[in-house]
Amino acid sequence: ATAHGFRDVELEEQVLELTRRSGIGAQFGGKYFCHDVRVV
């Protein structure tokens, strides 16, 4: 209730999985569009 910012680590993992399913990959197709995700 003090309204500070926080990391949502669960959403970070879910968004990381989303990037892996995109197919973009490390520039030319694949899994690794992102190393990791931070959600604040």
PDB file of all heavy atoms in Angstrom:
ATOM      1  N   ALA A   1       0.811  -1.214   0.000  1.00  0.00           N
ATOM      2  CA  ALA A   1       0.000   0.000   0.000  1.00  0.00           C
ATOM      3  C   ALA A   1       0.844   1.263   0.000  1.00  0.00           C
ATOM      4  O   ALA A   1       0.315   2.361  -0.234  1.00  0.00           O
ATOM      5  CB  ALA A   1      -0.935   0.001   1.211  1.00  0.00           C
ATOM      6  N   THR A   2       2.155   1.144   0.253  1.00  0.00           N
ATOM      7  CA  THR A   2       3.025   2.333   0.185  1.00  0.00           C
ATOM      8  C   THR A   2       3.369   2.704  -1.243  1.00  0.00           C
ATOM      9  O   THR A   2       4.044   3.697  -1.485  1.00  0.00           O
ATOM     10  CB  THR A   2       4.310   2.108   0.981  1.00  0.00           C
ATOM     11  OG1 THR A   2       4.975   0.934   0.496  1.00  0.00           O
ATOM     12  CG2 THR A   2       4.009   1.945   2.465  1.00  0.00           C
ATOM     13  N   ALA A   3       2.922   1.889  -2.198  1.00  0.00           N
ATOM     14  CA  ALA A   3       2.980   2.233  -3.628  1.00  0.00           C
ATOM     15  C   ALA A   3       4.387   2.267  -4.204  1.00  0.00           C
ATOM     16  O   ALA A   3       4.660   3.026  -5.126  1.00  0.00           O
ATOM     17  CB  ALA A   3       2.275   3.569  -3.896  1.00  0.00           C
ATOM     18  N   HIS A   4       5.281   1.442  -3.692  1.00  0.00           N
ATOM     19  CA  HIS A   4       6.610   1.347  -4.298  1.00  0.00           C
ATOM     20  C   HIS A   4       6.558   0.459  -5.539  1.00  0.00           C
ATOM     21  O   HIS A   4       5.640  -0.349  -5.714  1.00  0.00           O
ATOM     22  CB  HIS A   4       7.616   0.778  -3.293  1.00  0.00           C
ATOM     23  CG  HIS A   4       7.280  -0.603  -2.813  1.00  0.00           C
ATOM     24  ND1 HIS A   4       7.469  -1.742  -3.578  1.00  0.00           N
ATOM     25  CD2 HIS A   4       6.747  -1.029  -1.631  1.00  0.00           C
ATOM     26  CE1 HIS A   4       7.089  -2.804  -2.912  1.00  0.00           C
ATOM     27  NE2 HIS A   4       6.637  -2.395  -1.717  1.00  0.00           N
ATOM     28  N   GLY A   5       7.555   0.606  -6.391  1.00  0.00           N
ATOM     29  CA  GLY A   5       7.655  -0.256  -7.554  1.00  0.00           C
ATOM     30  C   GLY A   5       8.163  -1.640  -7.172  1.00  0.00           C
ATOM     31  O   GLY A   5       8.822  -1.814  -6.142  1.00  0.00           O
ATOM     32  N   PHE A   6       7.835  -2.627  -7.985  1.00  0.00           N
ATOM     33  CA  PHE A   6       8.312  -3.981  -7.720  1.00  0.00           C
ATOM     34  C   PHE A   6       8.468  -4.749  -9.028  1.00  0.00           C
ATOM     35  O   PHE A   6       7.899  -4.373 -10.065  1.00  0.00           O
ATOM     36  CB  PHE A   6       7.372  -4.732  -6.763  1.00  0.00           C
ATOM     37  CG  PHE A   6       5.993  -5.016  -7.325  1.00  0.00           C
ATOM     38  CD1 PHE A   6       5.720  -6.193  -8.012  1.00  0.00           C
ATOM     39  CD2 PHE A   6       4.964  -4.096  -7.153  1.00  0.00           C
ATOM     40  CE1 PHE A   6       4.446  -6.451  -8.509  1.00  0.00           C
ATOM     41  CE2 PHE A   6       3.694  -4.347  -7.659  1.00  0.00           C
ATOM     42  CZ  PHE A   6       3.433  -5.527  -8.348  1.00  0.00           C
ATOM     43  N   ARG A   7       9.278  -5.800  -8.963  1.00  0.00           N
ATOM     44  CA  ARG A   7       9.427  -6.711 -10.105  1.00  0.00           C
ATOM     45  C   ARG A   7       8.386  -7.815 -10.023  1.00  0.00           C
ATOM     46  O   ARG A   7       8.183  -8.411  -8.964  1.00  0.00           O
ATOM     47  CB  ARG A   7      10.818  -7.352 -10.107  1.00  0.00           C
ATOM     48  CG  ARG A   7      11.924  -6.491 -10.620  1.00  0.00           C
ATOM     49  CD  ARG A   7      13.253  -7.232 -10.579  1.00  0.00           C
ATOM     50  NE  ARG A   7      13.228  -8.462 -11.371  1.00  0.00           N
ATOM     51  CZ  ARG A   7      14.181  -9.399 -11.334  1.00  0.00           C
ATOM     52  NH1 ARG A   7      15.220  -9.243 -10.529  1.00  0.00           N
ATOM     53  NH2 ARG A   7      14.081 -10.474 -12.082  1.00  0.00           N
ATOM     54  N   ASP A   8       7.767  -8.103 -11.145  1.00  0.00           N
ATOM     55  CA  ASP A   8       6.855  -9.252 -11.231  1.00  0.00           C
ATOM     56  C   ASP A   8       7.623 -10.385 -11.904  1.00  0.00           C
ATOM     57  O   ASP A   8       7.662 -10.481 -13.137  1.00  0.00           O
ATOM     58  CB  ASP A   8       5.602  -8.884 -12.025  1.00  0.00           C
ATOM     59  CG  ASP A   8       4.531  -9.965 -11.974  1.00  0.00           C
ATOM     60  OD1 ASP A   8       4.902 -11.157 -11.916  1.00  0.00           O
ATOM     61  OD2 ASP A   8       3.337  -9.626 -11.974  1.00  0.00           O
ATOM     62  N   VAL A   9       8.246 -11.236 -11.108  1.00  0.00           N
ATOM     63  CA  VAL A   9       9.124 -12.270 -11.670  1.00  0.00           C
ATOM     64  C   VAL A   9       8.329 -13.354 -12.386  1.00  0.00           C
ATOM     65  O   VAL A   9       8.837 -13.990 -13.329  1.00  0.00           O
ATOM     66  CB  VAL A   9      10.022 -12.876 -10.572  1.00  0.00           C
ATOM     67  CG1 VAL A   9      11.011 -11.838 -10.059  1.00  0.00           C
ATOM     68  CG2 VAL A   9       9.199 -13.431  -9.418  1.00  0.00           C
ATOM     69  N   GLU A  10       7.080 -13.580 -11.974  1.00  0.00           N
ATOM     70  CA  GLU A  10       6.262 -14.566 -12.682  1.00  0.00           C
ATOM     71  C   GLU A  10       5.927 -14.082 -14.083  1.00  0.00           C
ATOM     72  O   GLU A  10       6.013 -14.846 -15.059  1.00  0.00           O
ATOM     73  CB  GLU A  10       4.989 -14.852 -11.899  1.00  0.00           C
ATOM     74  CG  GLU A  10       5.215 -15.568 -10.579  1.00  0.00           C
ATOM     75  CD  GLU A  10       3.908 -15.889  -9.878  1.00  0.00           C
ATOM     76  OE1 GLU A  10       2.947 -16.276 -10.573  1.00  0.00           O
ATOM     77  OE2 GLU A  10       3.837 -15.741  -8.658  1.00  0.00           O
ATOM     78  N   LEU A  11       5.544 -12.824 -14.183  1.00  0.00           N
ATOM     79  CA  LEU A  11       5.237 -12.284 -15.502  1.00  0.00           C
ATOM     80  C   LEU A  11       6.496 -12.224 -16.364  1.00  0.00           C
ATOM     81  O   LEU A  11       6.433 -12.409 -17.585  1.00  0.00           O
ATOM     82  CB  LEU A  11       4.602 -10.897 -15.372  1.00  0.00           C
ATOM     83  CG  LEU A  11       4.085 -10.247 -16.654  1.00  0.00           C
ATOM     84  CD1 LEU A  11       3.126 -11.173 -17.394  1.00  0.00           C
ATOM     85  CD2 LEU A  11       3.413  -8.914 -16.340  1.00  0.00           C
ATOM     86  N   GLU A  12       7.639 -11.992 -15.746  1.00  0.00           N
ATOM     87  CA  GLU A  12       8.893 -12.009 -16.502  1.00  0.00           C
ATOM     88  C   GLU A  12       9.097 -13.355 -17.199  1.00  0.00           C
ATOM     89  O   GLU A  12       9.465 -13.406 -18.384  1.00  0.00           O
ATOM     90  CB  GLU A  12      10.067 -11.724 -15.557  1.00  0.00           C
ATOM     91  CG  GLU A  12      10.129 -10.292 -15.072  1.00  0.00           C
ATOM     92  CD  GLU A  12      11.216 -10.057 -14.043  1.00  0.00           C
ATOM     93  OE1 GLU A  12      11.930 -11.017 -13.681  1.00  0.00           O
ATOM     94  OE2 GLU A  12      11.362  -8.898 -13.586  1.00  0.00           O
ATOM     95  N   GLU A  13       8.857 -14.436 -16.483  1.00  0.00           N
ATOM     96  CA  GLU A  13       9.035 -15.767 -17.073  1.00  0.00           C
ATOM     97  C   GLU A  13       8.011 -16.022 -18.174  1.00  0.00           C
ATOM     98  O   GLU A  13       8.321 -16.641 -19.194  1.00  0.00           O
ATOM     99  CB  GLU A  13       8.926 -16.838 -15.985  1.00  0.00           C
ATOM    100  CG  GLU A  13      10.115 -16.879 -15.051  1.00  0.00           C
ATOM    101  CD  GLU A  13      11.403 -17.171 -15.804  1.00  0.00           C
ATOM    102  OE1 GLU A  13      11.411 -18.080 -16.657  1.00  0.00           O
ATOM    103  OE2 GLU A  13      12.405 -16.467 -15.553  1.00  0.00           O
ATOM    104  N   GLN A  14       6.799 -15.557 -17.982  1.00  0.00           N
ATOM    105  CA  GLN A  14       5.763 -15.779 -18.976  1.00  0.00           C
ATOM    106  C   GLN A  14       6.046 -14.982 -20.249  1.00  0.00           C
ATOM    107  O   GLN A  14       5.836 -15.478 -21.370  1.00  0.00           O
ATOM    108  CB  GLN A  14       4.397 -15.422 -18.383  1.00  0.00           C
ATOM    109  CG  GLN A  14       3.966 -16.411 -17.310  1.00  0.00           C
ATOM    110  CD  GLN A  14       2.924 -15.856 -16.367  1.00  0.00           C
ATOM    111  OE1 GLN A  14       2.704 -14.638 -16.314  1.00  0.00           O
ATOM    112  NE2 GLN A  14       2.283 -16.723 -15.601  1.00  0.00           N
ATOM    113  N   VAL A  15       6.519 -13.753 -20.097  1.00  0.00           N
ATOM    114  CA  VAL A  15       6.854 -12.958 -21.275  1.00  0.00           C
ATOM    115  C   VAL A  15       8.079 -13.544 -21.976  1.00  0.00           C
ATOM    116  O   VAL A  15       8.154 -13.558 -23.205  1.00  0.00           O
ATOM    117  CB  VAL A  15       7.076 -11.484 -20.892  1.00  0.00           C
ATOM    118  CG1 VAL A  15       7.564 -10.681 -22.099  1.00  0.00           C
ATOM    119  CG2 VAL A  15       5.792 -10.879 -20.347  1.00  0.00           C
ATOM    120  N   LEU A  16       9.048 -14.034 -21.211  1.00  0.00           N
ATOM    121  CA  LEU A  16      10.206 -14.686 -21.829  1.00  0.00           C
ATOM    122  C   LEU A  16       9.769 -15.876 -22.669  1.00  0.00           C
ATOM    123  O   LEU A  16      10.259 -16.075 -23.793  1.00  0.00           O
ATOM    124  CB  LEU A  16      11.197 -15.123 -20.757  1.00  0.00           C
ATOM    125  CG  LEU A  16      12.471 -15.812 -21.268  1.00  0.00           C
ATOM    126  CD1 LEU A  16      13.261 -14.889 -22.188  1.00  0.00           C
ATOM    127  CD2 LEU A  16      13.328 -16.269 -20.096  1.00  0.00           C
ATOM    128  N   GLU A  17       8.829 -16.664 -22.161  1.00  0.00           N
ATOM    129  CA  GLU A  17       8.313 -17.786 -22.939  1.00  0.00           C
ATOM    130  C   GLU A  17       7.607 -17.297 -24.197  1.00  0.00           C
ATOM    131  O   GLU A  17       7.714 -17.914 -25.268  1.00  0.00           O
ATOM    132  CB  GLU A  17       7.355 -18.611 -22.081  1.00  0.00           C
ATOM    133  CG  GLU A  17       6.708 -19.781 -22.797  1.00  0.00           C
ATOM    134  CD  GLU A  17       7.701 -20.808 -23.327  1.00  0.00           C
ATOM    135  OE1 GLU A  17       8.833 -20.889 -22.797  1.00  0.00           O
ATOM    136  OE2 GLU A  17       7.352 -21.524 -24.294  1.00  0.00           O
ATOM    137  N   LEU A  18       6.908 -16.185 -24.095  1.00  0.00           N
ATOM    138  CA  LEU A  18       6.256 -15.603 -25.268  1.00  0.00           C
ATOM    139  C   LEU A  18       7.289 -15.253 -26.337  1.00  0.00           C
ATOM    140  O   LEU A  18       7.085 -15.530 -27.524  1.00  0.00           O
ATOM    141  CB  LEU A  18       5.483 -14.352 -24.847  1.00  0.00           C
ATOM    142  CG  LEU A  18       4.837 -13.524 -25.964  1.00  0.00           C
ATOM    143  CD1 LEU A  18       3.724 -14.320 -26.622  1.00  0.00           C
ATOM    144  CD2 LEU A  18       4.294 -12.214 -25.412  1.00  0.00           C
ATOM    145  N   THR A  19       8.396 -14.644 -25.933  1.00  0.00           N
ATOM    146  CA  THR A  19       9.429 -14.277 -26.913  1.00  0.00           C
ATOM    147  C   THR A  19      10.038 -15.510 -27.554  1.00  0.00           C
ATOM    148  O   THR A  19      10.413 -15.480 -28.728  1.00  0.00           O
ATOM    149  CB  THR A  19      10.540 -13.435 -26.256  1.00  0.00           C
ATOM    150  OG1 THR A  19      11.309 -14.231 -25.340  1.00  0.00           O
ATOM    151  CG2 THR A  19       9.974 -12.234 -25.529  1.00  0.00           C
ATOM    152  N   ARG A  20      10.144 -16.598 -26.797  1.00  0.00           N
ATOM    153  CA  ARG A  20      10.733 -17.820 -27.348  1.00  0.00           C
ATOM    154  C   ARG A  20       9.810 -18.480 -28.356  1.00  0.00           C
ATOM    155  O   ARG A  20      10.277 -19.148 -29.284  1.00  0.00           O
ATOM    156  CB  ARG A  20      11.075 -18.777 -26.200  1.00  0.00           C
ATOM    157  CG  ARG A  20      12.258 -18.289 -25.375  1.00  0.00           C
ATOM    158  CD  ARG A  20      12.522 -19.160 -24.171  1.00  0.00           C
ATOM    159  NE  ARG A  20      13.777 -18.771 -23.522  1.00  0.00           N
ATOM    160  CZ  ARG A  20      14.207 -19.261 -22.376  1.00  0.00           C
ATOM    161  NH1 ARG A  20      13.471 -20.162 -21.730  1.00  0.00           N
ATOM    162  NH2 ARG A  20      15.352 -18.854 -21.863  1.00  0.00           N
ATOM    163  N   ARG A  21       8.516 -18.287 -28.179  1.00  0.00           N
ATOM    164  CA  ARG A  21       7.553 -18.878 -29.107  1.00  0.00           C
ATOM    165  C   ARG A  21       7.332 -18.032 -30.354  1.00  0.00           C
ATOM    166  O   ARG A  21       6.673 -18.464 -31.290  1.00  0.00           O
ATOM    167  CB  ARG A  21       6.220 -19.096 -28.395  1.00  0.00           C
ATOM    168  CG  ARG A  21       6.260 -20.196 -27.335  1.00  0.00           C
ATOM    169  CD  ARG A  21       4.931 -20.366 -26.643  1.00  0.00           C
ATOM    170  NE  ARG A  21       3.835 -20.580 -27.574  1.00  0.00           N
ATOM    171  CZ  ARG A  21       2.569 -20.754 -27.197  1.00  0.00           C
ATOM    172  NH1 ARG A  21       2.256 -20.705 -25.915  1.00  0.00           N
ATOM    173  NH2 ARG A  21       1.629 -20.942 -28.097  1.00  0.00           N
ATOM    174  N   SER A  22       7.874 -16.833 -30.376  1.00  0.00           N
ATOM    175  CA  SER A  22       7.638 -15.942 -31.506  1.00  0.00           C
ATOM    176  C   SER A  22       8.291 -16.448 -32.788  1.00  0.00           C
ATOM    177  O   SER A  22       7.832 -16.137 -33.891  1.00  0.00           O
ATOM    178  CB  SER A  22       8.166 -14.535 -31.191  1.00  0.00           C
ATOM    179  OG  SER A  22       9.588 -14.531 -31.171  1.00  0.00           O
ATOM    180  N   GLY A  23       9.395 -17.188 -32.658  1.00  0.00           N
ATOM    181  CA  GLY A  23      10.108 -17.677 -33.831  1.00  0.00           C
ATOM    182  C   GLY A  23      11.130 -16.711 -34.389  1.00  0.00           C
ATOM    183  O   GLY A  23      11.854 -17.046 -35.329  1.00  0.00           O
ATOM    184  N   ILE A  24      11.227 -15.516 -33.830  1.00  0.00           N
ATOM    185  CA  ILE A  24      12.180 -14.530 -34.356  1.00  0.00           C
ATOM    186  C   ILE A  24      13.607 -14.971 -34.068  1.00  0.00           C
ATOM    187  O   ILE A  24      14.484 -14.895 -34.922  1.00  0.00           O
ATOM    188  CB  ILE A  24      11.909 -13.139 -33.752  1.00  0.00           C
ATOM    189  CG1 ILE A  24      10.485 -12.674 -34.092  1.00  0.00           C
ATOM    190  CG2 ILE A  24      12.931 -12.121 -34.260  1.00  0.00           C
ATOM    191  CD1 ILE A  24      10.068 -11.396 -33.390  1.00  0.00           C
ATOM    192  N   GLY A  25      13.836 -15.435 -32.849  1.00  0.00           N
ATOM    193  CA  GLY A  25      15.158 -15.938 -32.494  1.00  0.00           C
ATOM    194  C   GLY A  25      16.225 -14.863 -32.448  1.00  0.00           C
ATOM    195  O   GLY A  25      15.940 -13.663 -32.435  1.00  0.00           O
ATOM    196  N   ALA A  26      17.463 -15.328 -32.427  1.00  0.00           N
ATOM    197  CA  ALA A  26      18.614 -14.424 -32.371  1.00  0.00           C
ATOM    198  C   ALA A  26      18.903 -13.884 -33.764  1.00  0.00           C
ATOM    199  O   ALA A  26      19.914 -14.216 -34.388  1.00  0.00           O
ATOM    200  CB  ALA A  26      19.829 -15.142 -31.794  1.00  0.00           C
ATOM    201  N   GLN A  27      17.940 -13.111 -34.290  1.00  0.00           N
ATOM    202  CA  GLN A  27      18.054 -12.356 -35.529  1.00  0.00           C
ATOM    203  C   GLN A  27      17.546 -13.085 -36.774  1.00  0.00           C
ATOM    204  O   GLN A  27      16.993 -12.460 -37.663  1.00  0.00           O
ATOM    205  CB  GLN A  27      19.499 -11.871 -35.772  1.00  0.00           C
ATOM    206  CG  GLN A  27      20.055 -11.074 -34.602  1.00  0.00           C
ATOM    207  CD  GLN A  27      21.383 -10.426 -34.885  1.00  0.00           C
ATOM    208  OE1 GLN A  27      21.694 -10.094 -36.019  1.00  0.00           O
ATOM    209  NE2 GLN A  27      22.173 -10.222 -33.847  1.00  0.00           N
ATOM    210  N   PHE A  28      17.715 -14.425 -36.868  1.00  0.00           N
ATOM    211  CA  PHE A  28      17.348 -15.098 -38.117  1.00  0.00           C
ATOM    212  C   PHE A  28      16.542 -16.367 -37.881  1.00  0.00           C
ATOM    213  O   PHE A  28      16.661 -17.334 -38.620  1.00  0.00           O
ATOM    214  CB  PHE A  28      18.604 -15.405 -38.937  1.00  0.00           C
ATOM    215  CG  PHE A  28      19.409 -14.183 -39.265  1.00  0.00           C
ATOM    216  CD1 PHE A  28      20.587 -13.915 -38.592  1.00  0.00           C
ATOM    217  CD2 PHE A  28      18.973 -13.276 -40.213  1.00  0.00           C
ATOM    218  CE1 PHE A  28      21.324 -12.781 -38.871  1.00  0.00           C
ATOM    219  CE2 PHE A  28      19.699 -12.131 -40.490  1.00  0.00           C
ATOM    220  CZ  PHE A  28      20.873 -11.877 -39.827  1.00  0.00           C
ATOM    221  N   GLY A  29      15.714 -16.358 -36.865  1.00  0.00           N
ATOM    222  CA  GLY A  29      14.832 -17.479 -36.614  1.00  0.00           C
ATOM    223  C   GLY A  29      15.328 -18.382 -35.500  1.00  0.00           C
ATOM    224  O   GLY A  29      16.503 -18.735 -35.450  1.00  0.00           O
ATOM    225  N   GLY A  30      14.421 -18.728 -34.581  1.00  0.00           N
ATOM    226  CA  GLY A  30      14.797 -19.621 -33.498  1.00  0.00           C
ATOM    227  C   GLY A  30      14.117 -19.254 -32.205  1.00  0.00           C
ATOM    228  O   GLY A  30      13.027 -18.674 -32.177  1.00  0.00           O
ATOM    229  N   LYS A  31      14.784 -19.549 -31.115  1.00  0.00           N
ATOM    230  CA  LYS A  31      14.229 -19.431 -29.772  1.00  0.00           C
ATOM    231  C   LYS A  31      14.667 -18.170 -29.037  1.00  0.00           C
ATOM    232  O   LYS A  31      13.929 -17.623 -28.222  1.00  0.00           O
ATOM    233  CB  LYS A  31      14.652 -20.670 -28.977  1.00  0.00           C
ATOM    234  CG  LYS A  31      14.306 -20.695 -27.509  1.00  0.00           C
ATOM    235  CD  LYS A  31      14.807 -21.991 -26.875  1.00  0.00           C
ATOM    236  CE  LYS A  31      14.553 -22.014 -25.369  1.00  0.00           C
ATOM    237  NZ  LYS A  31      15.084 -23.253 -24.744  1.00  0.00           N
ATOM    238  N   TYR A  32      15.893 -17.698 -29.314  1.00  0.00           N
ATOM    239  CA  TYR A  32      16.525 -16.719 -28.442  1.00  0.00           C
ATOM    240  C   TYR A  32      16.403 -15.282 -28.958  1.00  0.00           C
ATOM    241  O   TYR A  32      17.391 -14.621 -29.242  1.00  0.00           O
ATOM    242  CB  TYR A  32      17.985 -17.087 -28.200  1.00  0.00           C
ATOM    243  CG  TYR A  32      18.117 -18.206 -27.202  1.00  0.00           C
ATOM    244  CD1 TYR A  32      18.218 -19.526 -27.620  1.00  0.00           C
ATOM    245  CD2 TYR A  32      18.094 -17.946 -25.843  1.00  0.00           C
ATOM    246  CE1 TYR A  32      18.310 -20.559 -26.701  1.00  0.00           C
ATOM    247  CE2 TYR A  32      18.186 -18.964 -24.911  1.00  0.00           C
ATOM    248  CZ  TYR A  32      18.300 -20.267 -25.342  1.00  0.00           C
ATOM    249  OH  TYR A  32      18.383 -21.289 -24.435  1.00  0.00           O
ATOM    250  N   PHE A  33      15.156 -14.792 -29.019  1.00  0.00           N
ATOM    251  CA  PHE A  33      14.941 -13.377 -29.294  1.00  0.00           C
ATOM    252  C   PHE A  33      15.386 -12.543 -28.095  1.00  0.00           C
ATOM    253  O   PHE A  33      15.848 -11.415 -28.248  1.00  0.00           O
ATOM    254  CB  PHE A  33      13.463 -13.145 -29.598  1.00  0.00           C
ATOM    255  CG  PHE A  33      13.104 -11.755 -30.043  1.00  0.00           C
ATOM    256  CD1 PHE A  33      13.815 -11.118 -31.049  1.00  0.00           C
ATOM    257  CD2 PHE A  33      12.036 -11.084 -29.471  1.00  0.00           C
ATOM    258  CE1 PHE A  33      13.475  -9.837 -31.468  1.00  0.00           C
ATOM    259  CE2 PHE A  33      11.684  -9.810 -29.884  1.00  0.00           C
ATOM    260  CZ  PHE A  33      12.413  -9.183 -30.878  1.00  0.00           C
ATOM    261  N   CYS A  34      15.223 -13.110 -26.901  1.00  0.00           N
ATOM    262  CA  CYS A  34      15.614 -12.420 -25.672  1.00  0.00           C
ATOM    263  C   CYS A  34      16.415 -13.363 -24.778  1.00  0.00           C
ATOM    264  O   CYS A  34      16.111 -14.545 -24.687  1.00  0.00           O
ATOM    265  CB  CYS A  34      14.391 -11.931 -24.894  1.00  0.00           C
ATOM    266  SG  CYS A  34      13.428 -10.654 -25.730  1.00  0.00           S
ATOM    267  N   HIS A  35      17.420 -12.803 -24.119  1.00  0.00           N
ATOM    268  CA  HIS A  35      18.113 -13.547 -23.067  1.00  0.00           C
ATOM    269  C   HIS A  35      17.230 -13.648 -21.834  1.00  0.00           C
ATOM    270  O   HIS A  35      17.147 -14.691 -21.193  1.00  0.00           O
ATOM    271  CB  HIS A  35      19.398 -12.824 -22.665  1.00  0.00           C
ATOM    272  CG  HIS A  35      20.523 -12.967 -23.615  1.00  0.00           C
ATOM    273  ND1 HIS A  35      21.014 -14.191 -24.015  1.00  0.00           N
ATOM    274  CD2 HIS A  35      21.284 -12.043 -24.245  1.00  0.00           C
ATOM    275  CE1 HIS A  35      22.030 -14.012 -24.841  1.00  0.00           C
ATOM    276  NE2 HIS A  35      22.204 -12.720 -25.004  1.00  0.00           N
ATOM    277  N   ASP A  36      16.613 -12.523 -21.473  1.00  0.00           N
ATOM    278  CA  ASP A  36      15.812 -12.453 -20.259  1.00  0.00           C
ATOM    279  C   ASP A  36      14.865 -11.264 -20.346  1.00  0.00           C
ATOM    280  O   ASP A  36      14.944 -10.453 -21.278  1.00  0.00           O
ATOM    281  CB  ASP A  36      16.702 -12.350 -19.013  1.00  0.00           C
ATOM    282  CG  ASP A  36      17.766 -11.270 -19.115  1.00  0.00           C
ATOM    283  OD1 ASP A  36      17.459 -10.182 -19.646  1.00  0.00           O
ATOM    284  OD2 ASP A  36      18.904 -11.493 -18.666  1.00  0.00           O
ATOM    285  N   VAL A  37      13.977 -11.182 -19.373  1.00  0.00           N
ATOM    286  CA  VAL A  37      12.961 -10.127 -19.338  1.00  0.00           C
ATOM    287  C   VAL A  37      12.891  -9.564 -17.921  1.00  0.00           C
ATOM    288  O   VAL A  37      12.983 -10.307 -16.938  1.00  0.00           O
ATOM    289  CB  VAL A  37      11.576 -10.678 -19.749  1.00  0.00           C
ATOM    290  CG1 VAL A  37      10.500  -9.595 -19.623  1.00  0.00           C
ATOM    291  CG2 VAL A  37      11.612 -11.232 -21.171  1.00  0.00           C
ATOM    292  N   ARG A  38      12.729  -8.256 -17.811  1.00  0.00           N
ATOM    293  CA  ARG A  38      12.443  -7.605 -16.549  1.00  0.00           C
ATOM    294  C   ARG A  38      11.105  -6.874 -16.681  1.00  0.00           C
ATOM    295  O   ARG A  38      10.906  -6.122 -17.648  1.00  0.00           O
ATOM    296  CB  ARG A  38      13.540  -6.598 -16.177  1.00  0.00           C
ATOM    297  CG  ARG A  38      14.899  -7.254 -15.921  1.00  0.00           C
ATOM    298  CD  ARG A  38      14.881  -8.112 -14.678  1.00  0.00           C
ATOM    299  NE  ARG A  38      16.167  -8.699 -14.385  1.00  0.00           N
ATOM    300  CZ  ARG A  38      16.563  -9.920 -14.797  1.00  0.00           C
ATOM    301  NH1 ARG A  38      15.751 -10.644 -15.547  1.00  0.00           N
ATOM    302  NH2 ARG A  38      17.744 -10.389 -14.449  1.00  0.00           N
ATOM    303  N   VAL A  39      10.217  -7.111 -15.731  1.00  0.00           N
ATOM    304  CA  VAL A  39       8.919  -6.432 -15.703  1.00  0.00           C
ATOM    305  C   VAL A  39       8.805  -5.693 -14.378  1.00  0.00           C
ATOM    306  O   VAL A  39       8.893  -6.315 -13.308  1.00  0.00           O
ATOM    307  CB  VAL A  39       7.749  -7.413 -15.859  1.00  0.00           C
ATOM    308  CG1 VAL A  39       6.412  -6.658 -15.749  1.00  0.00           C
ATOM    309  CG2 VAL A  39       7.828  -8.153 -17.185  1.00  0.00           C
ATOM    310  N   VAL A  40       8.637  -4.389 -14.447  1.00  0.00           N
ATOM    311  CA  VAL A  40       8.512  -3.550 -13.253  1.00  0.00           C
ATOM    312  C   VAL A  40       7.121  -2.916 -13.241  1.00  0.00           C
ATOM    313  O   VAL A  40       6.693  -2.320 -14.234  1.00  0.00           O
ATOM    314  CB  VAL A  40       9.595  -2.453 -13.224  1.00  0.00           C
ATOM    315  CG1 VAL A  40       9.396  -1.543 -12.004  1.00  0.00           C
ATOM    316  CG2 VAL A  40      10.992  -3.080 -13.198  1.00  0.00           C
TER     317      VAL A  40
END
